[in-house]
Amino acid sequence: MSIRHVNILAEEDDDPMLSAVNLVDVFLVLVVALLTAVAVRSQATAQEDVTIIRNPGKPDMEIVVREQGREVRYKGAGSAAQGAGVRAGVAYKLEDGNIVYIPEGGAAAGAGR
């Protein structure tokens, strides 16, 4: 009887397609991980309050506000605001950052930010 030596490290299959299949498997795992990360991030972003300004300063400007799952869109009229109005008073910004509003009647109003 003869004893055969078994070499565990020897490769019996020399098929180059096996290494390509293994690479495809690795890439599939990476793609699934990336898609999962994007899905988790998009869910976190969907819950945040967001304000988006599209085409700022142009006639077709639009403001989109997302708050608590609701979306409100404000569209510009294409021109500057106009209308009849009266002067209500004067506002001054102080050195400390406070803003003081003085109505037209001359009485001082409270300071605020």
PDB file of N, CA and C in Angstrom:
ATOM      1  N   MET A   1       0.801  -1.177   0.000  1.00  0.00           N
ATOM      2  CA  MET A   1       0.000   0.000   0.000  1.00  0.00           C
ATOM      3  C   MET A   1       0.847   1.244   0.000  1.00  0.00           C
ATOM      4  N   SER A   2       0.427   2.185  -0.725  1.00  0.00           N
ATOM      5  CA  SER A   2       1.170   3.442  -0.766  1.00  0.00           C
ATOM      6  C   SER A   2       0.306   4.564  -0.179  1.00  0.00           C
ATOM      7  N   ILE A   3       0.970   5.493   0.478  1.00  0.00           N
ATOM      8  CA  ILE A   3       0.283   6.637   1.076  1.00  0.00           C
ATOM      9  C   ILE A   3       0.450   7.826   0.141  1.00  0.00           C
ATOM     10  N   ARG A   4      -0.679   8.432  -0.164  1.00  0.00           N
ATOM     11  CA  ARG A   4      -0.637   9.601  -1.041  1.00  0.00           C
ATOM     12  C   ARG A   4      -0.582  10.850  -0.192  1.00  0.00           C
ATOM     13  N   HIS A   5       0.180  11.773  -0.644  1.00  0.00           N
ATOM     14  CA  HIS A   5       0.249  13.070   0.027  1.00  0.00           C
ATOM     15  C   HIS A   5      -0.857  13.962  -0.542  1.00  0.00           C
ATOM     16  N   VAL A   6      -1.632  14.538   0.351  1.00  0.00           N
ATOM     17  CA  VAL A   6      -2.702  15.428  -0.073  1.00  0.00           C
ATOM     18  C   VAL A   6      -2.234  16.854   0.144  1.00  0.00           C
ATOM     19  N   ASN A   7      -2.189  17.567  -0.908  1.00  0.00           N
ATOM     20  CA  ASN A   7      -1.776  18.966  -0.829  1.00  0.00           C
ATOM     21  C   ASN A   7      -3.041  19.818  -0.781  1.00  0.00           C
ATOM     22  N   ILE A   8      -3.313  20.442   0.367  1.00  0.00           N
ATOM     23  CA  ILE A   8      -4.532  21.227   0.552  1.00  0.00           C
ATOM     24  C   ILE A   8      -4.484  22.517  -0.259  1.00  0.00           C
ATOM     25  N   LEU A   9      -3.313  23.084  -0.402  1.00  0.00           N
ATOM     26  CA  LEU A   9      -3.186  24.365  -1.078  1.00  0.00           C
ATOM     27  C   LEU A   9      -3.185  24.260  -2.596  1.00  0.00           C
ATOM     28  N   ALA A  10      -3.068  23.078  -3.125  1.00  0.00           N
ATOM     29  CA  ALA A  10      -3.032  22.918  -4.578  1.00  0.00           C
ATOM     30  C   ALA A  10      -4.429  23.156  -5.146  1.00  0.00           C
ATOM     31  N   GLU A  11      -4.470  23.888  -6.222  1.00  0.00           N
ATOM     32  CA  GLU A  11      -5.755  24.167  -6.860  1.00  0.00           C
ATOM     33  C   GLU A  11      -5.985  23.137  -7.951  1.00  0.00           C
ATOM     34  N   GLU A  12      -7.144  22.534  -7.869  1.00  0.00           N
ATOM     35  CA  GLU A  12      -7.480  21.554  -8.888  1.00  0.00           C
ATOM     36  C   GLU A  12      -8.197  22.207 -10.059  1.00  0.00           C
ATOM     37  N   ASP A  13      -8.923  23.325  -9.766  1.00  0.00           N
ATOM     38  CA  ASP A  13      -9.664  24.003 -10.828  1.00  0.00           C
ATOM     39  C   ASP A  13      -8.850  25.198 -11.316  1.00  0.00           C
ATOM     40  N   ASP A  14      -8.557  25.193 -12.578  1.00  0.00           N
ATOM     41  CA  ASP A  14      -7.829  26.306 -13.186  1.00  0.00           C
ATOM     42  C   ASP A  14      -8.761  27.155 -14.037  1.00  0.00           C
ATOM     43  N   ASP A  15     -10.031  27.204 -13.680  1.00  0.00           N
ATOM     44  CA  ASP A  15     -11.020  27.946 -14.451  1.00  0.00           C
ATOM     45  C   ASP A  15     -10.934  29.431 -14.098  1.00  0.00           C
ATOM     46  N   PRO A  16     -10.619  30.320 -15.056  1.00  0.00           N
ATOM     47  CA  PRO A  16     -10.516  31.756 -14.763  1.00  0.00           C
ATOM     48  C   PRO A  16     -11.873  32.393 -14.462  1.00  0.00           C
ATOM     49  N   MET A  17     -12.958  31.762 -14.836  1.00  0.00           N
ATOM     50  CA  MET A  17     -14.287  32.314 -14.569  1.00  0.00           C
ATOM     51  C   MET A  17     -14.621  32.276 -13.077  1.00  0.00           C
ATOM     52  N   LEU A  18     -14.017  31.369 -12.323  1.00  0.00           N
ATOM     53  CA  LEU A  18     -14.291  31.299 -10.890  1.00  0.00           C
ATOM     54  C   LEU A  18     -13.839  32.566 -10.174  1.00  0.00           C
ATOM     55  N   SER A  19     -12.695  33.115 -10.551  1.00  0.00           N
ATOM     56  CA  SER A  19     -12.241  34.351  -9.912  1.00  0.00           C
ATOM     57  C   SER A  19     -13.130  35.526 -10.329  1.00  0.00           C
ATOM     58  N   ALA A  20     -13.622  35.537 -11.566  1.00  0.00           N
ATOM     59  CA  ALA A  20     -14.528  36.593 -12.003  1.00  0.00           C
ATOM     60  C   ALA A  20     -15.849  36.517 -11.252  1.00  0.00           C
ATOM     61  N   VAL A  21     -16.343  35.322 -11.010  1.00  0.00           N
ATOM     62  CA  VAL A  21     -17.584  35.149 -10.257  1.00  0.00           C
ATOM     63  C   VAL A  21     -17.393  35.627  -8.826  1.00  0.00           C
ATOM     64  N   ASN A  22     -16.237  35.338  -8.250  1.00  0.00           N
ATOM     65  CA  ASN A  22     -15.966  35.806  -6.891  1.00  0.00           C
ATOM     66  C   ASN A  22     -15.915  37.336  -6.839  1.00  0.00           C
ATOM     67  N   LEU A  23     -15.339  37.988  -7.843  1.00  0.00           N
ATOM     68  CA  LEU A  23     -15.316  39.450  -7.886  1.00  0.00           C
ATOM     69  C   LEU A  23     -16.728  40.027  -8.011  1.00  0.00           C
ATOM     70  N   VAL A  24     -17.559  39.396  -8.806  1.00  0.00           N
ATOM     71  CA  VAL A  24     -18.942  39.846  -8.941  1.00  0.00           C
ATOM     72  C   VAL A  24     -19.654  39.749  -7.600  1.00  0.00           C
ATOM     73  N   ASP A  25     -19.419  38.686  -6.861  1.00  0.00           N
ATOM     74  CA  ASP A  25     -20.029  38.531  -5.538  1.00  0.00           C
ATOM     75  C   ASP A  25     -19.583  39.647  -4.592  1.00  0.00           C
ATOM     76  N   VAL A  26     -18.311  39.978  -4.616  1.00  0.00           N
ATOM     77  CA  VAL A  26     -17.795  41.047  -3.760  1.00  0.00           C
ATOM     78  C   VAL A  26     -18.440  42.382  -4.130  1.00  0.00           C
ATOM     79  N   PHE A  27     -18.553  42.673  -5.426  1.00  0.00           N
ATOM     80  CA  PHE A  27     -19.164  43.926  -5.860  1.00  0.00           C
ATOM     81  C   PHE A  27     -20.653  43.978  -5.510  1.00  0.00           C
ATOM     82  N   LEU A  28     -21.339  42.863  -5.577  1.00  0.00           N
ATOM     83  CA  LEU A  28     -22.751  42.834  -5.186  1.00  0.00           C
ATOM     84  C   LEU A  28     -22.914  43.179  -3.709  1.00  0.00           C
ATOM     85  N   VAL A  29     -22.040  42.654  -2.876  1.00  0.00           N
ATOM     86  CA  VAL A  29     -22.096  42.971  -1.448  1.00  0.00           C
ATOM     87  C   VAL A  29     -21.844  44.465  -1.236  1.00  0.00           C
ATOM     88  N   LEU A  30     -20.876  45.053  -1.951  1.00  0.00           N
ATOM     89  CA  LEU A  30     -20.606  46.481  -1.830  1.00  0.00           C
ATOM     90  C   LEU A  30     -21.784  47.330  -2.299  1.00  0.00           C
ATOM     91  N   VAL A  31     -22.423  46.946  -3.387  1.00  0.00           N
ATOM     92  CA  VAL A  31     -23.562  47.697  -3.903  1.00  0.00           C
ATOM     93  C   VAL A  31     -24.717  47.655  -2.910  1.00  0.00           C
ATOM     94  N   VAL A  32     -24.980  46.501  -2.328  1.00  0.00           N
ATOM     95  CA  VAL A  32     -26.055  46.392  -1.338  1.00  0.00           C
ATOM     96  C   VAL A  32     -25.747  47.266  -0.126  1.00  0.00           C
ATOM     97  N   ALA A  33     -24.493  47.286   0.326  1.00  0.00           N
ATOM     98  CA  ALA A  33     -24.118  48.128   1.467  1.00  0.00           C
ATOM     99  C   ALA A  33     -24.303  49.608   1.139  1.00  0.00           C
ATOM    100  N   LEU A  34     -23.905  50.037  -0.064  1.00  0.00           N
ATOM    101  CA  LEU A  34     -24.078  51.436  -0.455  1.00  0.00           C
ATOM    102  C   LEU A  34     -25.546  51.823  -0.579  1.00  0.00           C
ATOM    103  N   LEU A  35     -26.362  50.958  -1.158  1.00  0.00           N
ATOM    104  CA  LEU A  35     -27.790  51.241  -1.274  1.00  0.00           C
ATOM    105  C   LEU A  35     -28.451  51.341   0.096  1.00  0.00           C
ATOM    106  N   THR A  36     -28.030  50.510   1.023  1.00  0.00           N
ATOM    107  CA  THR A  36     -28.567  50.575   2.383  1.00  0.00           C
ATOM    108  C   THR A  36     -28.180  51.899   3.034  1.00  0.00           C
ATOM    109  N   ALA A  37     -26.951  52.332   2.865  1.00  0.00           N
ATOM    110  CA  ALA A  37     -26.508  53.605   3.445  1.00  0.00           C
ATOM    111  C   ALA A  37     -27.280  54.780   2.842  1.00  0.00           C
ATOM    112  N   VAL A  38     -27.521  54.762   1.545  1.00  0.00           N
ATOM    113  CA  VAL A  38     -28.275  55.834   0.898  1.00  0.00           C
ATOM    114  C   VAL A  38     -29.718  55.848   1.387  1.00  0.00           C
ATOM    115  N   ALA A  39     -30.322  54.685   1.551  1.00  0.00           N
ATOM    116  CA  ALA A  39     -31.712  54.613   2.021  1.00  0.00           C
ATOM    117  C   ALA A  39     -31.832  55.149   3.439  1.00  0.00           C
ATOM    118  N   VAL A  40     -30.883  54.822   4.306  1.00  0.00           N
ATOM    119  CA  VAL A  40     -30.916  55.319   5.684  1.00  0.00           C
ATOM    120  C   VAL A  40     -30.732  56.821   5.698  1.00  0.00           C
ATOM    121  N   ARG A  41     -29.836  57.340   4.882  1.00  0.00           N
ATOM    122  CA  ARG A  41     -29.588  58.786   4.825  1.00  0.00           C
ATOM    123  C   ARG A  41     -30.801  59.533   4.283  1.00  0.00           C
ATOM    124  N   SER A  42     -31.469  58.980   3.278  1.00  0.00           N
ATOM    125  CA  SER A  42     -32.625  59.663   2.709  1.00  0.00           C
ATOM    126  C   SER A  42     -33.785  59.693   3.695  1.00  0.00           C
ATOM    127  N   GLN A  43     -33.930  58.673   4.527  1.00  0.00           N
ATOM    128  CA  GLN A  43     -34.980  58.688   5.546  1.00  0.00           C
ATOM    129  C   GLN A  43     -34.693  59.752   6.585  1.00  0.00           C
ATOM    130  N   ALA A  44     -33.431  59.937   6.953  1.00  0.00           N
ATOM    131  CA  ALA A  44     -33.068  60.958   7.929  1.00  0.00           C
ATOM    132  C   ALA A  44     -33.303  62.355   7.349  1.00  0.00           C
ATOM    133  N   THR A  45     -33.014  62.540   6.066  1.00  0.00           N
ATOM    134  CA  THR A  45     -33.216  63.831   5.425  1.00  0.00           C
ATOM    135  C   THR A  45     -34.703  64.135   5.264  1.00  0.00           C
ATOM    136  N   ALA A  46     -35.527  63.124   5.030  1.00  0.00           N
ATOM    137  CA  ALA A  46     -36.956  63.340   4.836  1.00  0.00           C
ATOM    138  C   ALA A  46     -37.625  63.839   6.108  1.00  0.00           C
ATOM    139  N   GLN A  47     -37.044  63.580   7.275  1.00  0.00           N
ATOM    140  CA  GLN A  47     -37.644  63.988   8.534  1.00  0.00           C
ATOM    141  C   GLN A  47     -37.196  65.385   8.962  1.00  0.00           C
ATOM    142  N   GLU A  48     -36.214  65.969   8.296  1.00  0.00           N
ATOM    143  CA  GLU A  48     -35.712  67.289   8.657  1.00  0.00           C
ATOM    144  C   GLU A  48     -36.566  68.380   8.021  1.00  0.00           C
ATOM    145  N   ASP A  49     -36.570  69.561   8.646  1.00  0.00           N
ATOM    146  CA  ASP A  49     -37.212  70.730   8.051  1.00  0.00           C
ATOM    147  C   ASP A  49     -36.238  71.340   7.062  1.00  0.00           C
ATOM    148  N   VAL A  50     -36.681  71.525   5.811  1.00  0.00           N
ATOM    149  CA  VAL A  50     -35.796  71.980   4.742  1.00  0.00           C
ATOM    150  C   VAL A  50     -36.463  73.121   3.985  1.00  0.00           C
ATOM    151  N   THR A  51     -35.664  74.139   3.610  1.00  0.00           N
ATOM    152  CA  THR A  51     -36.123  75.219   2.739  1.00  0.00           C
ATOM    153  C   THR A  51     -35.216  75.247   1.515  1.00  0.00           C
ATOM    154  N   ILE A  52     -35.823  75.162   0.343  1.00  0.00           N
ATOM    155  CA  ILE A  52     -35.073  75.144  -0.912  1.00  0.00           C
ATOM    156  C   ILE A  52     -35.520  76.349  -1.741  1.00  0.00           C
ATOM    157  N   ILE A  53     -34.556  77.097  -2.271  1.00  0.00           N
ATOM    158  CA  ILE A  53     -34.857  78.224  -3.160  1.00  0.00           C
ATOM    159  C   ILE A  53     -34.356  77.850  -4.551  1.00  0.00           C
ATOM    160  N   ARG A  54     -35.265  77.754  -5.484  1.00  0.00           N
ATOM    161  CA  ARG A  54     -34.914  77.412  -6.862  1.00  0.00           C
ATOM    162  C   ARG A  54     -34.917  78.673  -7.713  1.00  0.00           C
ATOM    163  N   ASN A  55     -33.932  78.832  -8.568  1.00  0.00           N
ATOM    164  CA  ASN A  55     -33.777  79.989  -9.467  1.00  0.00           C
ATOM    165  C   ASN A  55     -33.834  81.315  -8.706  1.00  0.00           C
ATOM    166  N   PRO A  56     -32.950  81.515  -7.715  1.00  0.00           N
ATOM    167  CA  PRO A  56     -33.023  82.745  -6.922  1.00  0.00           C
ATOM    168  C   PRO A  56     -32.777  83.991  -7.764  1.00  0.00           C
ATOM    169  N   GLY A  57     -33.589  85.022  -7.540  1.00  0.00           N
ATOM    170  CA  GLY A  57     -33.440  86.300  -8.219  1.00  0.00           C
ATOM    171  C   GLY A  57     -33.981  86.343  -9.633  1.00  0.00           C
ATOM    172  N   LYS A  58     -34.562  85.256 -10.103  1.00  0.00           N
ATOM    173  CA  LYS A  58     -35.100  85.211 -11.459  1.00  0.00           C
ATOM    174  C   LYS A  58     -36.623  85.301 -11.401  1.00  0.00           C
ATOM    175  N   PRO A  59     -37.261  85.656 -12.509  1.00  0.00           N
ATOM    176  CA  PRO A  59     -38.723  85.795 -12.499  1.00  0.00           C
ATOM    177  C   PRO A  59     -39.470  84.513 -12.141  1.00  0.00           C
ATOM    178  N   ASP A  60     -38.890  83.344 -12.427  1.00  0.00           N
ATOM    179  CA  ASP A  60     -39.568  82.084 -12.111  1.00  0.00           C
ATOM    180  C   ASP A  60     -39.067  81.469 -10.800  1.00  0.00           C
ATOM    181  N   MET A  61     -38.627  82.318  -9.866  1.00  0.00           N
ATOM    182  CA  MET A  61     -38.110  81.855  -8.583  1.00  0.00           C
ATOM    183  C   MET A  61     -39.200  81.101  -7.814  1.00  0.00           C
ATOM    184  N   GLU A  62     -38.783  80.056  -7.101  1.00  0.00           N
ATOM    185  CA  GLU A  62     -39.718  79.245  -6.323  1.00  0.00           C
ATOM    186  C   GLU A  62     -39.078  78.893  -4.984  1.00  0.00           C
ATOM    187  N   ILE A  63     -39.854  78.967  -3.917  1.00  0.00           N
ATOM    188  CA  ILE A  63     -39.377  78.593  -2.588  1.00  0.00           C
ATOM    189  C   ILE A  63     -40.171  77.373  -2.141  1.00  0.00           C
ATOM    190  N   VAL A  64     -39.472  76.308  -1.786  1.00  0.00           N
ATOM    191  CA  VAL A  64     -40.108  75.076  -1.322  1.00  0.00           C
ATOM    192  C   VAL A  64     -39.750  74.899   0.143  1.00  0.00           C
ATOM    193  N   VAL A  65     -40.763  74.787   1.008  1.00  0.00           N
ATOM    194  CA  VAL A  65     -40.554  74.620   2.447  1.00  0.00           C
ATOM    195  C   VAL A  65     -41.125  73.268   2.844  1.00  0.00           C
ATOM    196  N   ARG A  66     -40.291  72.412   3.467  1.00  0.00           N
ATOM    197  CA  ARG A  66     -40.716  71.115   3.970  1.00  0.00           C
ATOM    198  C   ARG A  66     -40.639  71.127   5.489  1.00  0.00           C
ATOM    199  N   GLU A  67     -41.796  71.009   6.133  1.00  0.00           N
ATOM    200  CA  GLU A  67     -41.859  70.988   7.590  1.00  0.00           C
ATOM    201  C   GLU A  67     -42.758  69.859   8.032  1.00  0.00           C
ATOM    202  N   GLN A  68     -42.252  69.007   8.902  1.00  0.00           N
ATOM    203  CA  GLN A  68     -43.014  67.919   9.500  1.00  0.00           C
ATOM    204  C   GLN A  68     -43.727  67.070   8.454  1.00  0.00           C
ATOM    205  N   GLY A  69     -43.051  66.750   7.373  1.00  0.00           N
ATOM    206  CA  GLY A  69     -43.608  65.891   6.342  1.00  0.00           C
ATOM    207  C   GLY A  69     -44.507  66.595   5.340  1.00  0.00           C
ATOM    208  N   ARG A  70     -44.803  67.874   5.541  1.00  0.00           N
ATOM    209  CA  ARG A  70     -45.629  68.628   4.591  1.00  0.00           C
ATOM    210  C   ARG A  70     -44.731  69.493   3.726  1.00  0.00           C
ATOM    211  N   GLU A  71     -45.164  69.697   2.488  1.00  0.00           N
ATOM    212  CA  GLU A  71     -44.390  70.517   1.555  1.00  0.00           C
ATOM    213  C   GLU A  71     -45.266  71.661   1.050  1.00  0.00           C
ATOM    214  N   VAL A  72     -44.753  72.887   1.162  1.00  0.00           N
ATOM    215  CA  VAL A  72     -45.467  74.075   0.686  1.00  0.00           C
ATOM    216  C   VAL A  72     -44.578  74.771  -0.337  1.00  0.00           C
ATOM    217  N   ARG A  73     -45.171  75.155  -1.479  1.00  0.00           N
ATOM    218  CA  ARG A  73     -44.421  75.825  -2.547  1.00  0.00           C
ATOM    219  C   ARG A  73     -44.921  77.252  -2.708  1.00  0.00           C
ATOM    220  N   TYR A  74     -43.981  78.179  -2.773  1.00  0.00           N
ATOM    221  CA  TYR A  74     -44.287  79.588  -3.024  1.00  0.00           C
ATOM    222  C   TYR A  74     -43.642  79.956  -4.347  1.00  0.00           C
ATOM    223  N   LYS A  75     -44.430  80.475  -5.275  1.00  0.00           N
ATOM    224  CA  LYS A  75     -43.911  80.856  -6.590  1.00  0.00           C
ATOM    225  C   LYS A  75     -43.964  82.357  -6.744  1.00  0.00           C
ATOM    226  N   GLY A  76     -42.915  82.906  -7.360  1.00  0.00           N
ATOM    227  CA  GLY A  76     -42.848  84.337  -7.608  1.00  0.00           C
ATOM    228  C   GLY A  76     -43.789  84.741  -8.729  1.00  0.00           C
ATOM    229  N   ALA A  77     -44.232  85.993  -8.675  1.00  0.00           N
ATOM    230  CA  ALA A  77     -45.142  86.502  -9.700  1.00  0.00           C
ATOM    231  C   ALA A  77     -44.381  86.977 -10.933  1.00  0.00           C
ATOM    232  N   GLY A  78     -43.071  87.027 -10.861  1.00  0.00           N
ATOM    233  CA  GLY A  78     -42.284  87.461 -12.011  1.00  0.00           C
ATOM    234  C   GLY A  78     -41.948  88.934 -11.996  1.00  0.00           C
ATOM    235  N   SER A  79     -42.433  89.672 -11.006  1.00  0.00           N
ATOM    236  CA  SER A  79     -42.134  91.099 -10.923  1.00  0.00           C
ATOM    237  C   SER A  79     -41.968  91.473  -9.457  1.00  0.00           C
ATOM    238  N   ALA A  80     -41.500  92.679  -9.226  1.00  0.00           N
ATOM    239  CA  ALA A  80     -41.329  93.151  -7.858  1.00  0.00           C
ATOM    240  C   ALA A  80     -42.686  93.403  -7.235  1.00  0.00           C
ATOM    241  N   ALA A  81     -42.753  93.303  -5.916  1.00  0.00           N
ATOM    242  CA  ALA A  81     -44.013  93.544  -5.222  1.00  0.00           C
ATOM    243  C   ALA A  81     -44.405  95.006  -5.355  1.00  0.00           C
ATOM    244  N   GLN A  82     -45.679  95.244  -5.549  1.00  0.00           N
ATOM    245  CA  GLN A  82     -46.156  96.608  -5.665  1.00  0.00           C
ATOM    246  C   GLN A  82     -47.500  96.721  -4.959  1.00  0.00           C
ATOM    247  N   GLY A  83     -47.877  97.920  -4.684  1.00  0.00           N
ATOM    248  CA  GLY A  83     -49.166  98.146  -4.056  1.00  0.00           C
ATOM    249  C   GLY A  83     -49.154  99.457  -3.298  1.00  0.00           C
ATOM    250  N   ALA A  84     -50.287  99.792  -2.753  1.00  0.00           N
ATOM    251  CA  ALA A  84     -50.405 101.038  -1.999  1.00  0.00           C
ATOM    252  C   ALA A  84     -50.131 100.743  -0.537  1.00  0.00           C
ATOM    253  N   GLY A  85     -49.337 101.549   0.085  1.00  0.00           N
ATOM    254  CA  GLY A  85     -49.031 101.383   1.493  1.00  0.00           C
ATOM    255  C   GLY A  85     -48.595 102.694   2.089  1.00  0.00           C
ATOM    256  N   VAL A  86     -48.491 102.722   3.396  1.00  0.00           N
ATOM    257  CA  VAL A  86     -48.048 103.923   4.085  1.00  0.00           C
ATOM    258  C   VAL A  86     -46.838 103.578   4.937  1.00  0.00           C
ATOM    259  N   ARG A  87     -46.029 104.559   5.168  1.00  0.00           N
ATOM    260  CA  ARG A  87     -44.847 104.379   5.994  1.00  0.00           C
ATOM    261  C   ARG A  87     -45.301 104.191   7.438  1.00  0.00           C
ATOM    262  N   ALA A  88     -44.803 103.141   8.084  1.00  0.00           N
ATOM    263  CA  ALA A  88     -45.252 102.824   9.436  1.00  0.00           C
ATOM    264  C   ALA A  88     -44.278 103.330  10.482  1.00  0.00           C
ATOM    265  N   GLY A  89     -43.053 103.575  10.126  1.00  0.00           N
ATOM    266  CA  GLY A  89     -42.077 104.037  11.096  1.00  0.00           C
ATOM    267  C   GLY A  89     -40.666 103.819  10.589  1.00  0.00           C
ATOM    268  N   VAL A  90     -39.702 103.931  11.516  1.00  0.00           N
ATOM    269  CA  VAL A  90     -38.291 103.788  11.165  1.00  0.00           C
ATOM    270  C   VAL A  90     -37.668 102.778  12.123  1.00  0.00           C
ATOM    271  N   ALA A  91     -36.782 101.938  11.606  1.00  0.00           N
ATOM    272  CA  ALA A  91     -36.061 100.971  12.437  1.00  0.00           C
ATOM    273  C   ALA A  91     -34.579 101.310  12.397  1.00  0.00           C
ATOM    274  N   TYR A  92     -33.936 101.263  13.575  1.00  0.00           N
ATOM    275  CA  TYR A  92     -32.500 101.529  13.692  1.00  0.00           C
ATOM    276  C   TYR A  92     -31.833 100.327  14.322  1.00  0.00           C
ATOM    277  N   LYS A  93     -30.650  99.952  13.799  1.00  0.00           N
ATOM    278  CA  LYS A  93     -29.869  98.876  14.387  1.00  0.00           C
ATOM    279  C   LYS A  93     -28.785  99.497  15.250  1.00  0.00           C
ATOM    280  N   LEU A  94     -28.751  99.135  16.524  1.00  0.00           N
ATOM    281  CA  LEU A  94     -27.772  99.675  17.461  1.00  0.00           C
ATOM    282  C   LEU A  94     -26.460  98.916  17.372  1.00  0.00           C
ATOM    283  N   GLU A  95     -25.423  99.462  18.015  1.00  0.00           N
ATOM    284  CA  GLU A  95     -24.101  98.829  17.968  1.00  0.00           C
ATOM    285  C   GLU A  95     -24.095  97.443  18.601  1.00  0.00           C
ATOM    286  N   ASP A  96     -24.943  97.215  19.617  1.00  0.00           N
ATOM    287  CA  ASP A  96     -24.975  95.914  20.280  1.00  0.00           C
ATOM    288  C   ASP A  96     -25.819  94.888  19.526  1.00  0.00           C
ATOM    289  N   GLY A  97     -26.375  95.253  18.376  1.00  0.00           N
ATOM    290  CA  GLY A  97     -27.136  94.315  17.562  1.00  0.00           C
ATOM    291  C   GLY A  97     -28.637  94.423  17.726  1.00  0.00           C
ATOM    292  N   ASN A  98     -29.115  95.145  18.740  1.00  0.00           N
ATOM    293  CA  ASN A  98     -30.545  95.319  18.928  1.00  0.00           C
ATOM    294  C   ASN A  98     -31.113  96.215  17.838  1.00  0.00           C
ATOM    295  N   ILE A  99     -32.374  95.965  17.509  1.00  0.00           N
ATOM    296  CA  ILE A  99     -33.070  96.782  16.529  1.00  0.00           C
ATOM    297  C   ILE A  99     -34.186  97.518  17.253  1.00  0.00           C
ATOM    298  N   VAL A 100     -34.213  98.832  17.075  1.00  0.00           N
ATOM    299  CA  VAL A 100     -35.219  99.671  17.715  1.00  0.00           C
ATOM    300  C   VAL A 100     -36.151 100.193  16.626  1.00  0.00           C
ATOM    301  N   TYR A 101     -37.464 100.005  16.839  1.00  0.00           N
ATOM    302  CA  TYR A 101     -38.479 100.483  15.904  1.00  0.00           C
ATOM    303  C   TYR A 101     -39.157 101.702  16.493  1.00  0.00           C
ATOM    304  N   ILE A 102     -39.225 102.763  15.732  1.00  0.00           N
ATOM    305  CA  ILE A 102     -39.879 103.990  16.172  1.00  0.00           C
ATOM    306  C   ILE A 102     -41.053 104.242  15.234  1.00  0.00           C
ATOM    307  N   PRO A 103     -42.283 104.135  15.739  1.00  0.00           N
ATOM    308  CA  PRO A 103     -43.446 104.373  14.891  1.00  0.00           C
ATOM    309  C   PRO A 103     -43.500 105.821  14.433  1.00  0.00           C
ATOM    310  N   GLU A 104     -44.315 106.110  13.432  1.00  0.00           N
ATOM    311  CA  GLU A 104     -44.424 107.450  12.858  1.00  0.00           C
ATOM    312  C   GLU A 104     -44.930 108.485  13.876  1.00  0.00           C
ATOM    313  N   GLY A 105     -45.682 108.066  14.889  1.00  0.00           N
ATOM    314  CA  GLY A 105     -46.212 109.003  15.862  1.00  0.00           C
ATOM    315  C   GLY A 105     -45.134 109.619  16.731  1.00  0.00           C
ATOM    316  N   GLY A 106     -43.902 109.032  16.775  1.00  0.00           N
ATOM    317  CA  GLY A 106     -42.795 109.585  17.537  1.00  0.00           C
ATOM    318  C   GLY A 106     -42.578 108.889  18.868  1.00  0.00           C
ATOM    319  N   ALA A 107     -43.482 108.031  19.329  1.00  0.00           N
ATOM    320  CA  ALA A 107     -43.304 107.320  20.599  1.00  0.00           C
ATOM    321  C   ALA A 107     -42.336 106.168  20.387  1.00  0.00           C
ATOM    322  N   ALA A 108     -41.420 105.969  21.338  1.00  0.00           N
ATOM    323  CA  ALA A 108     -40.421 104.909  21.233  1.00  0.00           C
ATOM    324  C   ALA A 108     -41.071 103.568  21.548  1.00  0.00           C
ATOM    325  N   ALA A 109     -40.728 102.570  20.763  1.00  0.00           N
ATOM    326  CA  ALA A 109     -41.234 101.218  21.000  1.00  0.00           C
ATOM    327  C   ALA A 109     -40.131 100.389  21.643  1.00  0.00           C
ATOM    328  N   GLY A 110     -40.473  99.194  22.083  1.00  0.00           N
ATOM    329  CA  GLY A 110     -39.495  98.303  22.736  1.00  0.00           C
ATOM    330  C   GLY A 110     -38.463  97.790  21.741  1.00  0.00           C
ATOM    331  N   ALA A 111     -37.318  97.421  22.259  1.00  0.00           N
ATOM    332  CA  ALA A 111     -36.232  96.896  21.421  1.00  0.00           C
ATOM    333  C   ALA A 111     -36.412  95.392  21.277  1.00  0.00           C
ATOM    334  N   GLY A 112     -36.022  94.858  20.155  1.00  0.00           N
ATOM    335  CA  GLY A 112     -36.086  93.422  19.919  1.00  0.00           C
ATOM    336  C   GLY A 112     -35.024  93.002  18.932  1.00  0.00           C
ATOM    337  N   ARG A 113     -34.939  91.733  18.673  1.00  0.00           N
ATOM    338  CA  ARG A 113     -33.972  91.233  17.702  1.00  0.00           C
ATOM    339  C   ARG A 113     -34.653  90.718  16.493  1.00  0.00           C
TER     340      ARG A 113
END
